[in-house]
Amino acid sequence: MVSCARTPFFSRRTAAPLIGFALALYFSWPLVQGERSYPRLVALEYKIASVDRKLDVVRTEREALEHKVIRLRPDSIDPDLLEERARVLLGYQYPQDRVVLSDP
């Protein structure tokens, strides 16, 4: 005759897989939501790419300004650039120049 004795829910056969699952979940949770998680890595890579683009723009502006400064040095002055700066800073103009004023 078969015995109808009930086995407890938490036996050795069920405890080991449950503990293993709990440990796997515990150690894998930082991969999803932790400080070093994959979504955080993707966000940081996006931010790095954005900053690199800004850096390229700033470098280009800096190189243009350095080139302009070189052209204004006394030993290699560019007459066109000198005339442009004098007209802007000192308000020089030719008699045939027309000035159009607009409201800001």
Protein backbone atom coordinates (compact mmCIF):
# COMPACT_ATOMS: atom_id res chain seq x y z
CA MET A 1 0.00 0.00 0.00
CA VAL A 2 1.19 3.46 -0.80
CA SER A 3 1.82 5.82 2.04
CA CYS A 4 0.02 9.17 1.86
CA ALA A 5 2.48 10.96 4.07
CA ARG A 6 2.97 14.53 2.97
CA THR A 7 6.45 15.81 2.31
CA PRO A 8 7.28 19.28 3.58
CA PHE A 9 7.41 22.07 0.95
CA PHE A 10 10.96 23.09 1.86
CA SER A 11 12.81 19.87 1.62
CA ARG A 12 16.42 19.40 0.62
CA ARG A 13 15.36 18.75 -2.97
CA THR A 14 13.56 22.11 -3.29
CA ALA A 15 15.83 24.22 -1.09
CA ALA A 16 18.99 23.86 -3.16
CA PRO A 17 17.48 25.16 -6.45
CA LEU A 18 15.70 27.99 -4.63
CA ILE A 19 18.90 29.05 -2.90
CA GLY A 20 20.80 28.83 -6.20
CA PHE A 21 18.16 30.94 -7.95
CA ALA A 22 18.22 33.51 -5.16
CA LEU A 23 22.02 33.76 -5.31
CA ALA A 24 22.00 34.09 -9.11
CA LEU A 25 19.39 36.85 -8.85
CA TYR A 26 21.33 38.58 -6.08
CA PHE A 27 24.60 38.65 -8.04
CA SER A 28 23.06 39.46 -11.42
CA TRP A 29 20.91 42.38 -10.21
CA PRO A 30 23.82 44.89 -10.35
CA LEU A 31 24.26 44.01 -14.04
CA VAL A 32 20.80 45.42 -14.68
CA GLN A 33 20.40 48.23 -12.17
CA GLY A 34 23.77 48.79 -10.53
CA GLU A 35 26.30 51.57 -10.88
CA ARG A 36 28.27 49.52 -13.42
CA SER A 37 25.25 48.21 -15.31
CA TYR A 38 24.86 47.91 -19.07
CA PRO A 39 22.29 50.76 -19.39
CA ARG A 40 24.64 53.01 -17.44
CA LEU A 41 27.50 52.03 -19.78
CA VAL A 42 25.43 52.93 -22.83
CA ALA A 43 24.48 56.30 -21.30
CA LEU A 44 28.13 57.06 -20.51
CA GLU A 45 29.23 56.13 -24.05
CA TYR A 46 26.57 58.48 -25.45
CA LYS A 47 27.76 61.26 -23.16
CA ILE A 48 31.40 60.68 -24.19
CA ALA A 49 30.44 60.89 -27.86
CA SER A 50 28.58 64.15 -27.23
CA VAL A 51 31.53 65.67 -25.37
CA ASP A 52 33.91 64.53 -28.13
CA ARG A 53 31.79 66.38 -30.71
CA LYS A 54 31.87 69.53 -28.58
CA LEU A 55 35.63 69.14 -28.18
CA ASP A 56 36.07 68.95 -31.96
CA VAL A 57 34.09 72.20 -32.38
CA VAL A 58 36.15 73.98 -29.72
CA ARG A 59 39.41 72.72 -31.24
CA THR A 60 38.37 74.02 -34.65
CA GLU A 61 37.50 77.43 -33.19
CA ARG A 62 40.80 77.52 -31.32
CA GLU A 63 42.81 76.67 -34.43
CA ALA A 64 41.02 79.43 -36.36
CA LEU A 65 41.81 81.95 -33.61
CA GLU A 66 45.43 80.83 -33.44
CA HIS A 67 45.74 81.26 -37.20
CA LYS A 68 44.24 84.75 -36.91
CA VAL A 69 46.69 85.67 -34.14
CA ILE A 70 49.61 84.45 -36.22
CA ARG A 71 48.44 86.66 -39.09
CA LEU A 72 48.39 89.69 -36.76
CA ARG A 73 51.95 89.30 -35.45
CA PRO A 74 54.31 92.16 -36.40
CA ASP A 75 56.71 89.96 -38.36
CA SER A 76 53.96 88.48 -40.58
CA ILE A 77 51.09 90.95 -40.55
CA ASP A 78 48.28 90.46 -43.06
CA PRO A 79 47.21 93.86 -44.49
CA ASP A 80 43.63 92.76 -45.14
CA LEU A 81 43.18 91.52 -41.59
CA LEU A 82 44.77 94.69 -40.20
CA GLU A 83 42.39 96.84 -42.23
CA GLU A 84 39.41 94.79 -41.10
CA ARG A 85 40.36 95.08 -37.42
CA ALA A 86 41.03 98.84 -37.74
CA ARG A 87 37.64 99.36 -39.34
CA VAL A 88 35.87 97.37 -36.67
CA LEU A 89 37.71 98.67 -33.60
CA LEU A 90 38.40 102.29 -34.62
CA GLY A 91 35.39 102.90 -36.82
CA TYR A 92 37.42 103.75 -39.94
CA GLN A 93 35.59 103.74 -43.24
CA TYR A 94 36.07 104.77 -46.84
CA PRO A 95 34.17 107.77 -48.27
CA GLN A 96 32.23 105.48 -50.62
CA ASP A 97 31.14 103.13 -47.81
CA ARG A 98 27.46 103.15 -46.86
CA VAL A 99 26.43 102.50 -43.29
CA VAL A 100 23.04 100.98 -42.65
CA LEU A 101 21.83 101.16 -39.06
CA SER A 102 19.14 98.85 -37.79
CA ASP A 103 17.32 98.63 -34.51
CA PRO A 104 18.56 95.72 -32.38
